Amino acid sequence: MFSIGLFTACKKDEFVVDESSLYGTWRVANGDAVDNHAVRYVFKSDKSCVKNSNLVGQGRDTTMEWTYVVSHIHSIITMFDEKNQYQEQYRITDLGNREMHWENESPDDGNELKVRLIQE
């Protein structure tokens, strides 16, 4: 008689996201973003996300209502518009009590490569 055991292992540097830690308002805190371009994300438990982008001093304010999916295996957050079309995708590398870091998984999309966010 013998038994077979199955287990999964994560790479040592792989970060696992507790999705409830995402809920709330997050402000992008990268250099110029703070001074010229205020960007905020609001993540809700119903998988909805609101992204607000405000070009400070120019009167340009854009709000997008999206949905999001988090891959717990690879800590990737993907955001989709109301037509379920891909908009942004990031790998969450750190998610603390009031701070989150992510890296762009689609570096040719024009968004920041590495992003630091502060929870408000």
C-alpha atoms as a PDB file:
ATOM      1  CA  MET A   1       0.000   0.000   0.000  1.00  0.00           C
ATOM      2  CA  PHE A   2       1.238   3.490  -0.806  1.00  0.00           C
ATOM      3  CA  SER A   3      -0.105   7.017  -0.739  1.00  0.00           C
ATOM      4  CA  ILE A   4       0.401   9.937  -2.987  1.00  0.00           C
ATOM      5  CA  GLY A   5       0.540  13.459  -1.631  1.00  0.00           C
ATOM      6  CA  LEU A   6       0.018  16.515  -3.763  1.00  0.00           C
ATOM      7  CA  PHE A   7       1.128  19.950  -2.762  1.00  0.00           C
ATOM      8  CA  THR A   8       1.680  23.272  -4.401  1.00  0.00           C
ATOM      9  CA  ALA A   9       4.627  25.488  -3.824  1.00  0.00           C
ATOM     10  CA  CYS A  10       5.168  29.136  -4.539  1.00  0.00           C
ATOM     11  CA  LYS A  11       8.396  30.656  -5.626  1.00  0.00           C
ATOM     12  CA  LYS A  12      10.099  32.333  -2.720  1.00  0.00           C
ATOM     13  CA  ASP A  13       9.663  35.787  -4.256  1.00  0.00           C
ATOM     14  CA  GLU A  14       6.043  35.247  -5.301  1.00  0.00           C
ATOM     15  CA  PHE A  15       3.580  37.380  -3.385  1.00  0.00           C
ATOM     16  CA  VAL A  16       0.085  36.082  -2.603  1.00  0.00           C
ATOM     17  CA  VAL A  17      -2.646  38.741  -2.467  1.00  0.00           C
ATOM     18  CA  ASP A  18      -5.279  38.886   0.250  1.00  0.00           C
ATOM     19  CA  GLU A  19      -7.924  40.436  -1.974  1.00  0.00           C
ATOM     20  CA  SER A  20      -9.790  42.088   0.908  1.00  0.00           C
ATOM     21  CA  SER A  21      -6.652  44.176   1.510  1.00  0.00           C
ATOM     22  CA  LEU A  22      -7.295  45.867  -1.867  1.00  0.00           C
ATOM     23  CA  TYR A  23     -10.671  47.299  -0.898  1.00  0.00           C
ATOM     24  CA  GLY A  24     -10.708  51.070  -0.580  1.00  0.00           C
ATOM     25  CA  THR A  25      -9.203  54.124  -2.263  1.00  0.00           C
ATOM     26  CA  TRP A  26      -5.591  54.091  -3.463  1.00  0.00           C
ATOM     27  CA  ARG A  27      -3.690  57.139  -4.731  1.00  0.00           C
ATOM     28  CA  VAL A  28      -0.735  56.766  -7.087  1.00  0.00           C
ATOM     29  CA  ALA A  29       2.277  58.222  -5.276  1.00  0.00           C
ATOM     30  CA  ASN A  30       4.952  58.181  -8.007  1.00  0.00           C
ATOM     31  CA  GLY A  31       6.988  61.388  -8.527  1.00  0.00           C
ATOM     32  CA  ASP A  32       5.236  63.429 -11.233  1.00  0.00           C
ATOM     33  CA  ALA A  33       1.923  61.703 -10.601  1.00  0.00           C
ATOM     34  CA  VAL A  34       1.666  63.496  -7.262  1.00  0.00           C
ATOM     35  CA  ASP A  35       2.520  66.921  -8.715  1.00  0.00           C
ATOM     36  CA  ASN A  36       0.865  66.955 -12.144  1.00  0.00           C
ATOM     37  CA  HIS A  37      -1.416  63.975 -12.569  1.00  0.00           C
ATOM     38  CA  ALA A  38      -3.515  62.741  -9.677  1.00  0.00           C
ATOM     39  CA  VAL A  39      -4.640  59.144 -10.207  1.00  0.00           C
ATOM     40  CA  ARG A  40      -6.841  57.208  -7.801  1.00  0.00           C
ATOM     41  CA  TYR A  41      -8.257  53.692  -7.885  1.00  0.00           C
ATOM     42  CA  VAL A  42     -11.199  52.543  -5.756  1.00  0.00           C
ATOM     43  CA  PHE A  43     -11.474  48.757  -5.420  1.00  0.00           C
ATOM     44  CA  LYS A  44     -14.719  47.285  -4.072  1.00  0.00           C
ATOM     45  CA  SER A  45     -15.613  43.808  -2.839  1.00  0.00           C
ATOM     46  CA  ASP A  46     -18.104  43.321  -5.715  1.00  0.00           C
ATOM     47  CA  LYS A  47     -15.152  43.312  -8.194  1.00  0.00           C
ATOM     48  CA  SER A  48     -15.896  46.842  -9.390  1.00  0.00           C
ATOM     49  CA  CYS A  49     -13.179  49.446  -9.720  1.00  0.00           C
ATOM     50  CA  VAL A  50     -13.291  53.173 -10.326  1.00  0.00           C
ATOM     51  CA  LYS A  51     -10.231  54.910 -11.776  1.00  0.00           C
ATOM     52  CA  ASN A  52     -10.103  58.695 -11.540  1.00  0.00           C
ATOM     53  CA  SER A  53      -7.431  60.564 -13.477  1.00  0.00           C
ATOM     54  CA  ASN A  54      -7.074  64.305 -12.925  1.00  0.00           C
ATOM     55  CA  LEU A  55      -4.559  66.495 -14.750  1.00  0.00           C
ATOM     56  CA  VAL A  56      -3.940  69.062 -12.034  1.00  0.00           C
ATOM     57  CA  GLY A  57      -4.282  72.668 -13.184  1.00  0.00           C
ATOM     58  CA  GLN A  58      -5.717  71.709 -16.565  1.00  0.00           C
ATOM     59  CA  GLY A  59      -9.280  71.009 -15.528  1.00  0.00           C
ATOM     60  CA  ARG A  60      -9.214  67.575 -17.128  1.00  0.00           C
ATOM     61  CA  ASP A  61     -10.871  65.003 -14.905  1.00  0.00           C
ATOM     62  CA  THR A  62     -11.696  61.512 -16.201  1.00  0.00           C
ATOM     63  CA  THR A  63     -13.533  58.783 -14.297  1.00  0.00           C
ATOM     64  CA  MET A  64     -13.706  55.220 -15.587  1.00  0.00           C
ATOM     65  CA  GLU A  65     -15.880  52.502 -14.084  1.00  0.00           C
ATOM     66  CA  TRP A  66     -14.286  49.105 -14.507  1.00  0.00           C
ATOM     67  CA  THR A  67     -14.272  45.592 -13.113  1.00  0.00           C
ATOM     68  CA  TYR A  68     -11.207  43.705 -11.958  1.00  0.00           C
ATOM     69  CA  VAL A  69      -9.932  40.161 -11.481  1.00  0.00           C
ATOM     70  CA  VAL A  70      -7.079  39.099  -9.208  1.00  0.00           C
ATOM     71  CA  SER A  71      -5.085  35.988 -10.004  1.00  0.00           C
ATOM     72  CA  HIS A  72      -4.137  34.644  -6.587  1.00  0.00           C
ATOM     73  CA  ILE A  73      -1.520  32.342  -8.075  1.00  0.00           C
ATOM     74  CA  HIS A  74       0.513  35.070  -9.711  1.00  0.00           C
ATOM     75  CA  SER A  75      -0.747  38.162  -7.828  1.00  0.00           C
ATOM     76  CA  ILE A  76      -1.840  39.828 -11.045  1.00  0.00           C
ATOM     77  CA  ILE A  77      -4.678  42.348 -11.117  1.00  0.00           C
ATOM     78  CA  THR A  78      -6.387  42.874 -14.472  1.00  0.00           C
ATOM     79  CA  MET A  79      -8.915  45.634 -15.089  1.00  0.00           C
ATOM     80  CA  PHE A  80     -11.655  45.627 -17.738  1.00  0.00           C
ATOM     81  CA  ASP A  81     -13.993  48.329 -19.045  1.00  0.00           C
ATOM     82  CA  GLU A  82     -17.793  48.112 -19.236  1.00  0.00           C
ATOM     83  CA  LYS A  83     -17.509  46.101 -22.485  1.00  0.00           C
ATOM     84  CA  ASN A  84     -15.230  43.618 -20.707  1.00  0.00           C
ATOM     85  CA  GLN A  85     -12.240  44.776 -22.754  1.00  0.00           C
ATOM     86  CA  TYR A  86      -8.784  44.709 -21.169  1.00  0.00           C
ATOM     87  CA  GLN A  87      -7.579  48.097 -19.902  1.00  0.00           C
ATOM     88  CA  GLU A  88      -4.657  47.606 -17.478  1.00  0.00           C
ATOM     89  CA  GLN A  89      -2.737  44.761 -15.855  1.00  0.00           C
ATOM     90  CA  TYR A  90      -0.252  44.849 -12.967  1.00  0.00           C
ATOM     91  CA  ARG A  91       1.670  42.369 -10.847  1.00  0.00           C
ATOM     92  CA  ILE A  92       1.213  43.252  -7.180  1.00  0.00           C
ATOM     93  CA  THR A  93       4.648  42.933  -5.571  1.00  0.00           C
ATOM     94  CA  ASP A  94       3.766  44.252  -2.108  1.00  0.00           C
ATOM     95  CA  LEU A  95       0.520  44.996  -0.317  1.00  0.00           C
ATOM     96  CA  GLY A  96       0.822  46.372   3.189  1.00  0.00           C
ATOM     97  CA  ASN A  97      -1.540  48.072   5.577  1.00  0.00           C
ATOM     98  CA  ARG A  98      -1.478  51.458   3.801  1.00  0.00           C
ATOM     99  CA  GLU A  99       0.877  50.978   0.849  1.00  0.00           C
ATOM    100  CA  MET A 100       0.878  48.857  -2.312  1.00  0.00           C
ATOM    101  CA  HIS A 101       3.466  48.361  -5.065  1.00  0.00           C
ATOM    102  CA  TRP A 102       2.784  46.975  -8.499  1.00  0.00           C
ATOM    103  CA  GLU A 103       4.631  46.452 -11.763  1.00  0.00           C
ATOM    104  CA  ASN A 104       3.087  46.840 -15.200  1.00  0.00           C
ATOM    105  CA  GLU A 105       2.564  43.464 -16.884  1.00  0.00           C
ATOM    106  CA  SER A 106       1.979  45.200 -20.245  1.00  0.00           C
ATOM    107  CA  PRO A 107       4.915  47.617 -20.446  1.00  0.00           C
ATOM    108  CA  ASP A 108       4.062  48.837 -23.963  1.00  0.00           C
ATOM    109  CA  ASP A 109       0.662  50.256 -22.943  1.00  0.00           C
ATOM    110  CA  GLY A 110       2.030  53.667 -21.939  1.00  0.00           C
ATOM    111  CA  ASN A 111       1.384  53.297 -18.207  1.00  0.00           C
ATOM    112  CA  GLU A 112       4.060  53.557 -15.507  1.00  0.00           C
ATOM    113  CA  LEU A 113       6.296  50.483 -15.231  1.00  0.00           C
ATOM    114  CA  LYS A 114       6.479  50.509 -11.426  1.00  0.00           C
ATOM    115  CA  VAL A 115       3.796  52.108  -9.309  1.00  0.00           C
ATOM    116  CA  ARG A 116       3.618  52.957  -5.614  1.00  0.00           C
ATOM    117  CA  LEU A 117       0.123  53.543  -4.194  1.00  0.00           C
ATOM    118  CA  ILE A 118      -0.942  54.918  -0.813  1.00  0.00           C
ATOM    119  CA  GLN A 119      -4.296  53.998   0.716  1.00  0.00           C
ATOM    120  CA  GLU A 120      -6.435  56.989   1.631  1.00  0.00           C
END
